[in-house]
Amino acid sequence: FGIPLMEACSTDDTTEELNIGGSPSTSTPSEPLEIDISSGNFTSLKDVGGWLNYTAQNILLVRISESEIRVFDNKCPHQGNRDNWSYEGDEFTCGYHNNSYSDSCSGSLTCYDTNLEGNILTVSF
């Protein structure tokens, strides 16, 4: 029959809306999100290099410097998984196929605008 049944893993962007093995897909909020990074699970963002996969809002957060926290959609561009991320150096790695993505806003992960004032991080979607 000659029809391929499997797709090779790659780090290229894909436009498919798959959600294999991840948490249920939800839409991104349209209102800005305010997070107090001095409370609860967000305290990891107080230190440069600290990061968090905030699955309740489908975002990855990483403290880049004293004045900058970057926020990305936590949907893996490869197959849409959201729940199995690690972070080291300057890359997020999806634990399902070990695809890595830069923490720069010019990489494959969707990057959102942020504003950090004191301990309040505002994310605009």
N, C-alpha and C. Protein backbone atom coordinates (compact mmCIF):
# COMPACT_ATOMS: atom_id res chain seq x y z
N PHE A 1 0.82 -1.18 0.00
CA PHE A 1 0.00 0.00 0.00
C PHE A 1 0.86 1.25 0.00
N GLY A 2 2.02 1.22 0.62
CA GLY A 2 2.96 2.32 0.57
C GLY A 2 2.53 3.59 1.28
N ILE A 3 1.59 3.51 2.20
CA ILE A 3 1.14 4.70 2.93
C ILE A 3 1.86 4.73 4.27
N PRO A 4 2.64 5.79 4.55
CA PRO A 4 3.34 5.85 5.84
C PRO A 4 2.35 6.03 6.98
N LEU A 5 2.56 5.29 8.05
CA LEU A 5 1.65 5.35 9.19
C LEU A 5 2.22 6.14 10.35
N MET A 6 3.49 6.43 10.32
CA MET A 6 4.11 7.16 11.41
C MET A 6 4.75 8.42 10.87
N GLU A 7 4.78 9.44 11.71
CA GLU A 7 5.41 10.70 11.35
C GLU A 7 6.69 10.83 12.17
N ALA A 8 7.75 11.25 11.56
CA ALA A 8 9.03 11.39 12.26
C ALA A 8 8.99 12.56 13.22
N CYS A 9 9.74 12.45 14.31
CA CYS A 9 9.85 13.54 15.26
C CYS A 9 10.75 14.63 14.69
N SER A 10 10.40 15.87 14.95
CA SER A 10 11.24 16.98 14.51
C SER A 10 10.98 18.17 15.41
N THR A 11 11.82 19.19 15.31
CA THR A 11 11.62 20.40 16.10
C THR A 11 11.00 21.51 15.27
N ASP A 12 10.58 21.21 14.03
CA ASP A 12 9.95 22.22 13.19
C ASP A 12 8.55 22.52 13.70
N ASP A 13 8.09 23.73 13.41
CA ASP A 13 6.73 24.11 13.76
C ASP A 13 5.75 23.25 12.98
N THR A 14 4.60 23.00 13.57
CA THR A 14 3.53 22.30 12.89
C THR A 14 2.25 23.06 13.13
N THR A 15 1.36 23.04 12.16
CA THR A 15 0.11 23.77 12.31
C THR A 15 -1.01 22.87 12.78
N GLU A 16 -0.74 21.59 12.96
CA GLU A 16 -1.77 20.68 13.42
C GLU A 16 -2.13 20.98 14.86
N GLU A 17 -3.41 20.81 15.20
CA GLU A 17 -3.90 21.05 16.55
C GLU A 17 -4.08 19.71 17.26
N LEU A 18 -3.00 19.00 17.49
CA LEU A 18 -3.06 17.71 18.15
C LEU A 18 -2.87 17.87 19.64
N ASN A 19 -3.44 16.95 20.41
CA ASN A 19 -3.24 16.95 21.85
C ASN A 19 -3.10 15.51 22.31
N ILE A 20 -1.99 14.89 21.97
CA ILE A 20 -1.75 13.50 22.28
C ILE A 20 -0.97 13.41 23.58
N GLY A 21 -1.54 12.79 24.58
CA GLY A 21 -0.86 12.57 25.84
C GLY A 21 -0.79 13.78 26.74
N GLY A 22 -1.32 14.90 26.35
CA GLY A 22 -1.28 16.11 27.17
C GLY A 22 -2.59 16.34 27.87
N SER A 23 -2.64 17.43 28.62
CA SER A 23 -3.88 17.79 29.30
C SER A 23 -4.86 18.34 28.28
N PRO A 24 -6.16 18.37 28.63
CA PRO A 24 -7.15 18.86 27.67
C PRO A 24 -6.80 20.26 27.18
N SER A 25 -7.04 20.48 25.91
CA SER A 25 -6.74 21.77 25.32
C SER A 25 -7.82 22.77 25.69
N THR A 26 -7.41 23.96 26.11
CA THR A 26 -8.36 25.02 26.42
C THR A 26 -7.92 26.26 25.70
N SER A 27 -8.84 27.18 25.53
CA SER A 27 -8.50 28.40 24.83
C SER A 27 -7.70 29.33 25.73
N THR A 28 -6.92 30.18 25.10
CA THR A 28 -6.12 31.16 25.82
C THR A 28 -7.02 32.30 26.26
N PRO A 29 -6.89 32.75 27.51
CA PRO A 29 -7.73 33.86 27.95
C PRO A 29 -7.45 35.12 27.15
N SER A 30 -8.47 35.96 26.97
CA SER A 30 -8.27 37.18 26.22
C SER A 30 -7.93 38.36 27.13
N GLU A 31 -8.30 38.26 28.40
CA GLU A 31 -8.00 39.32 29.36
C GLU A 31 -6.57 39.15 29.88
N PRO A 32 -5.90 40.25 30.23
CA PRO A 32 -4.56 40.12 30.84
C PRO A 32 -4.64 39.32 32.14
N LEU A 33 -3.60 38.58 32.41
CA LEU A 33 -3.50 37.76 33.61
C LEU A 33 -2.50 38.42 34.55
N GLU A 34 -2.88 38.63 35.81
CA GLU A 34 -1.97 39.18 36.81
C GLU A 34 -1.58 38.08 37.78
N ILE A 35 -0.26 37.96 38.02
CA ILE A 35 0.28 36.92 38.90
C ILE A 35 1.17 37.59 39.94
N ASP A 36 0.93 37.28 41.20
CA ASP A 36 1.80 37.74 42.28
C ASP A 36 2.89 36.68 42.45
N ILE A 37 4.10 36.98 41.98
CA ILE A 37 5.18 35.99 42.01
C ILE A 37 5.76 35.77 43.40
N SER A 38 5.26 36.50 44.39
CA SER A 38 5.75 36.29 45.75
C SER A 38 4.88 35.30 46.52
N SER A 39 3.87 34.72 45.86
CA SER A 39 2.98 33.82 46.58
C SER A 39 2.87 32.45 45.92
N GLY A 40 2.54 31.46 46.73
CA GLY A 40 2.26 30.11 46.25
C GLY A 40 3.36 29.50 45.41
N ASN A 41 2.96 28.81 44.37
CA ASN A 41 3.89 28.11 43.49
C ASN A 41 4.75 29.04 42.64
N PHE A 42 4.43 30.32 42.64
CA PHE A 42 5.14 31.27 41.79
C PHE A 42 6.45 31.76 42.38
N THR A 43 6.77 31.39 43.62
CA THR A 43 7.99 31.87 44.26
C THR A 43 9.25 31.41 43.53
N SER A 44 9.16 30.35 42.71
CA SER A 44 10.33 29.92 41.92
C SER A 44 10.74 30.99 40.92
N LEU A 45 9.84 31.91 40.60
CA LEU A 45 10.13 32.98 39.65
C LEU A 45 10.84 34.16 40.29
N LYS A 46 11.07 34.12 41.59
CA LYS A 46 11.77 35.21 42.28
C LYS A 46 13.25 35.23 41.90
N ASP A 47 13.81 34.08 41.52
CA ASP A 47 15.23 33.98 41.20
C ASP A 47 15.44 33.85 39.69
N VAL A 48 16.48 34.49 39.18
CA VAL A 48 16.83 34.36 37.76
C VAL A 48 17.08 32.88 37.46
N GLY A 49 16.47 32.39 36.38
CA GLY A 49 16.57 30.98 36.00
C GLY A 49 15.41 30.16 36.53
N GLY A 50 14.63 30.72 37.45
CA GLY A 50 13.46 30.01 37.96
C GLY A 50 12.39 29.91 36.88
N TRP A 51 11.64 28.83 36.90
CA TRP A 51 10.63 28.64 35.86
C TRP A 51 9.46 27.86 36.43
N LEU A 52 8.36 27.84 35.67
CA LEU A 52 7.15 27.15 36.11
C LEU A 52 6.30 26.81 34.90
N ASN A 53 5.74 25.61 34.90
CA ASN A 53 4.72 25.23 33.92
C ASN A 53 3.38 25.41 34.62
N TYR A 54 2.70 26.50 34.33
CA TYR A 54 1.43 26.85 34.97
C TYR A 54 0.31 26.27 34.11
N THR A 55 0.00 24.99 34.35
CA THR A 55 -0.96 24.27 33.51
C THR A 55 -2.38 24.82 33.64
N ALA A 56 -2.72 25.47 34.73
CA ALA A 56 -4.07 26.03 34.88
C ALA A 56 -4.34 27.11 33.84
N GLN A 57 -3.28 27.78 33.36
CA GLN A 57 -3.43 28.81 32.34
C GLN A 57 -2.71 28.45 31.03
N ASN A 58 -2.19 27.22 30.94
CA ASN A 58 -1.49 26.75 29.74
C ASN A 58 -0.32 27.64 29.34
N ILE A 59 0.52 27.99 30.32
CA ILE A 59 1.68 28.83 30.03
C ILE A 59 2.93 28.32 30.74
N LEU A 60 4.07 28.59 30.12
CA LEU A 60 5.39 28.38 30.71
C LEU A 60 5.93 29.75 31.08
N LEU A 61 6.50 29.88 32.28
CA LEU A 61 7.08 31.14 32.72
C LEU A 61 8.53 30.91 33.09
N VAL A 62 9.41 31.84 32.74
CA VAL A 62 10.82 31.72 33.08
C VAL A 62 11.38 33.10 33.41
N ARG A 63 12.13 33.16 34.51
CA ARG A 63 12.77 34.42 34.92
C ARG A 63 14.08 34.54 34.17
N ILE A 64 14.17 35.50 33.26
CA ILE A 64 15.34 35.72 32.41
C ILE A 64 16.36 36.61 33.11
N SER A 65 15.89 37.63 33.80
CA SER A 65 16.76 38.59 34.49
C SER A 65 15.99 39.19 35.65
N GLU A 66 16.62 40.08 36.39
CA GLU A 66 15.94 40.74 37.51
C GLU A 66 14.70 41.51 37.05
N SER A 67 14.72 41.97 35.81
CA SER A 67 13.62 42.81 35.32
C SER A 67 12.74 42.14 34.27
N GLU A 68 13.01 40.87 33.92
CA GLU A 68 12.25 40.24 32.83
C GLU A 68 11.85 38.80 33.16
N ILE A 69 10.55 38.54 32.99
CA ILE A 69 10.01 37.19 33.02
C ILE A 69 9.33 36.98 31.68
N ARG A 70 9.71 35.92 30.98
CA ARG A 70 9.08 35.60 29.70
C ARG A 70 8.01 34.55 29.90
N VAL A 71 6.96 34.67 29.11
CA VAL A 71 5.82 33.74 29.21
C VAL A 71 5.50 33.20 27.82
N PHE A 72 5.34 31.88 27.76
CA PHE A 72 5.08 31.18 26.50
C PHE A 72 3.86 30.28 26.64
N ASP A 73 3.21 30.01 25.53
CA ASP A 73 2.17 28.99 25.50
C ASP A 73 2.86 27.66 25.79
N ASN A 74 2.28 26.82 26.64
CA ASN A 74 2.94 25.56 26.99
C ASN A 74 2.57 24.41 26.05
N LYS A 75 2.03 24.73 24.90
CA LYS A 75 1.68 23.71 23.92
C LYS A 75 2.92 23.39 23.08
N CYS A 76 3.36 22.15 23.15
CA CYS A 76 4.53 21.73 22.37
C CYS A 76 4.22 21.84 20.88
N PRO A 77 5.07 22.54 20.12
CA PRO A 77 4.83 22.67 18.68
C PRO A 77 4.85 21.33 17.94
N HIS A 78 5.47 20.33 18.54
CA HIS A 78 5.58 19.03 17.86
C HIS A 78 4.25 18.29 17.84
N GLN A 79 3.66 18.05 19.03
CA GLN A 79 2.40 17.30 19.05
C GLN A 79 1.38 17.86 20.02
N GLY A 80 1.61 19.03 20.54
CA GLY A 80 0.57 19.69 21.34
C GLY A 80 0.52 19.34 22.81
N ASN A 81 1.45 18.55 23.31
CA ASN A 81 1.44 18.20 24.73
C ASN A 81 1.69 19.45 25.57
N ARG A 82 1.13 19.50 26.78
CA ARG A 82 1.25 20.67 27.64
C ARG A 82 1.82 20.37 29.03
N ASP A 83 1.88 19.13 29.43
CA ASP A 83 2.09 18.83 30.83
C ASP A 83 3.45 18.24 31.23
N ASN A 84 4.38 18.11 30.32
CA ASN A 84 5.62 17.41 30.65
C ASN A 84 6.84 18.20 30.15
N TRP A 85 7.14 19.30 30.81
CA TRP A 85 8.24 20.18 30.41
C TRP A 85 9.35 20.18 31.44
N SER A 86 10.58 20.39 30.96
CA SER A 86 11.71 20.69 31.84
C SER A 86 12.40 21.92 31.26
N TYR A 87 13.26 22.53 32.07
CA TYR A 87 13.96 23.73 31.62
C TYR A 87 15.39 23.68 32.12
N GLU A 88 16.34 23.93 31.22
CA GLU A 88 17.74 23.99 31.61
C GLU A 88 18.47 24.92 30.65
N GLY A 89 19.35 25.74 31.22
CA GLY A 89 20.11 26.69 30.40
C GLY A 89 19.17 27.72 29.81
N ASP A 90 18.95 27.65 28.52
CA ASP A 90 18.04 28.57 27.87
C ASP A 90 17.04 27.84 26.98
N GLU A 91 16.71 26.58 27.38
CA GLU A 91 15.80 25.78 26.58
C GLU A 91 14.77 25.04 27.42
N PHE A 92 13.55 25.02 26.89
CA PHE A 92 12.50 24.15 27.42
C PHE A 92 12.58 22.85 26.64
N THR A 93 12.38 21.72 27.32
CA THR A 93 12.37 20.43 26.66
C THR A 93 11.06 19.73 26.98
N CYS A 94 10.37 19.29 25.93
CA CYS A 94 9.15 18.52 26.08
C CYS A 94 9.55 17.09 26.41
N GLY A 95 9.02 16.55 27.47
CA GLY A 95 9.39 15.22 27.93
C GLY A 95 8.85 14.07 27.11
N TYR A 96 7.96 14.33 26.19
CA TYR A 96 7.39 13.23 25.41
C TYR A 96 8.31 12.75 24.30
N HIS A 97 8.98 13.64 23.60
CA HIS A 97 9.88 13.25 22.52
C HIS A 97 11.23 13.96 22.63
N ASN A 98 11.48 14.64 23.75
CA ASN A 98 12.73 15.35 24.02
C ASN A 98 13.04 16.46 23.01
N ASN A 99 12.02 17.05 22.43
CA ASN A 99 12.24 18.19 21.55
C ASN A 99 12.51 19.41 22.42
N SER A 100 13.50 20.21 22.02
CA SER A 100 13.89 21.39 22.80
C SER A 100 13.55 22.66 22.04
N TYR A 101 13.18 23.70 22.82
CA TYR A 101 12.78 24.98 22.26
C TYR A 101 13.42 26.11 23.05
N SER A 102 13.91 27.08 22.35
CA SER A 102 14.60 28.23 22.95
C SER A 102 13.64 29.06 23.80
N ASP A 103 14.22 29.70 24.83
CA ASP A 103 13.42 30.61 25.66
C ASP A 103 13.44 32.04 25.10
N SER A 104 13.81 32.17 23.83
CA SER A 104 13.76 33.49 23.19
C SER A 104 12.38 33.66 22.56
N CYS A 105 11.94 34.88 22.48
CA CYS A 105 10.62 35.14 21.91
C CYS A 105 10.62 35.03 20.38
N SER A 106 11.76 34.71 19.80
CA SER A 106 11.81 34.51 18.35
C SER A 106 11.89 33.03 18.01
N GLY A 107 11.66 32.16 19.01
CA GLY A 107 11.72 30.72 18.78
C GLY A 107 10.38 30.14 18.38
N SER A 108 10.24 28.83 18.52
CA SER A 108 9.05 28.11 18.08
C SER A 108 7.86 28.23 19.03
N LEU A 109 8.11 28.50 20.31
CA LEU A 109 7.02 28.62 21.27
C LEU A 109 6.37 30.00 21.15
N THR A 110 5.05 30.06 21.24
CA THR A 110 4.35 31.33 21.20
C THR A 110 4.69 32.12 22.46
N CYS A 111 5.18 33.33 22.28
CA CYS A 111 5.61 34.19 23.38
C CYS A 111 4.58 35.30 23.59
N TYR A 112 4.26 35.58 24.85
CA TYR A 112 3.29 36.61 25.18
C TYR A 112 3.99 37.83 25.78
N ASP A 113 3.37 39.00 25.61
CA ASP A 113 3.88 40.23 26.19
C ASP A 113 3.70 40.21 27.70
N THR A 114 4.72 40.69 28.42
CA THR A 114 4.66 40.72 29.88
C THR A 114 5.11 42.07 30.40
N ASN A 115 4.69 42.37 31.62
CA ASN A 115 5.13 43.56 32.32
C ASN A 115 5.32 43.17 33.78
N LEU A 116 6.50 43.43 34.32
CA LEU A 116 6.80 43.10 35.71
C LEU A 116 6.98 44.38 36.51
N GLU A 117 6.09 44.60 37.48
CA GLU A 117 6.19 45.75 38.37
C GLU A 117 6.20 45.22 39.80
N GLY A 118 7.36 45.32 40.45
CA GLY A 118 7.50 44.75 41.79
C GLY A 118 7.33 43.24 41.71
N ASN A 119 6.36 42.72 42.46
CA ASN A 119 6.08 41.28 42.45
C ASN A 119 4.89 40.91 41.56
N ILE A 120 4.34 41.89 40.85
CA ILE A 120 3.17 41.63 40.01
C ILE A 120 3.59 41.51 38.55
N LEU A 121 3.32 40.32 37.99
CA LEU A 121 3.57 40.05 36.58
C LEU A 121 2.24 40.11 35.85
N THR A 122 2.17 40.94 34.81
CA THR A 122 0.98 41.02 33.97
C THR A 122 1.32 40.40 32.62
N VAL A 123 0.48 39.45 32.20
CA VAL A 123 0.65 38.74 30.94
C VAL A 123 -0.49 39.14 30.01
N SER A 124 -0.15 39.63 28.82
CA SER A 124 -1.15 40.00 27.82
C SER A 124 -1.15 38.95 26.72
N PHE A 125 -2.32 38.41 26.46
CA PHE A 125 -2.45 37.34 25.46
C PHE A 125 -2.88 37.89 24.11
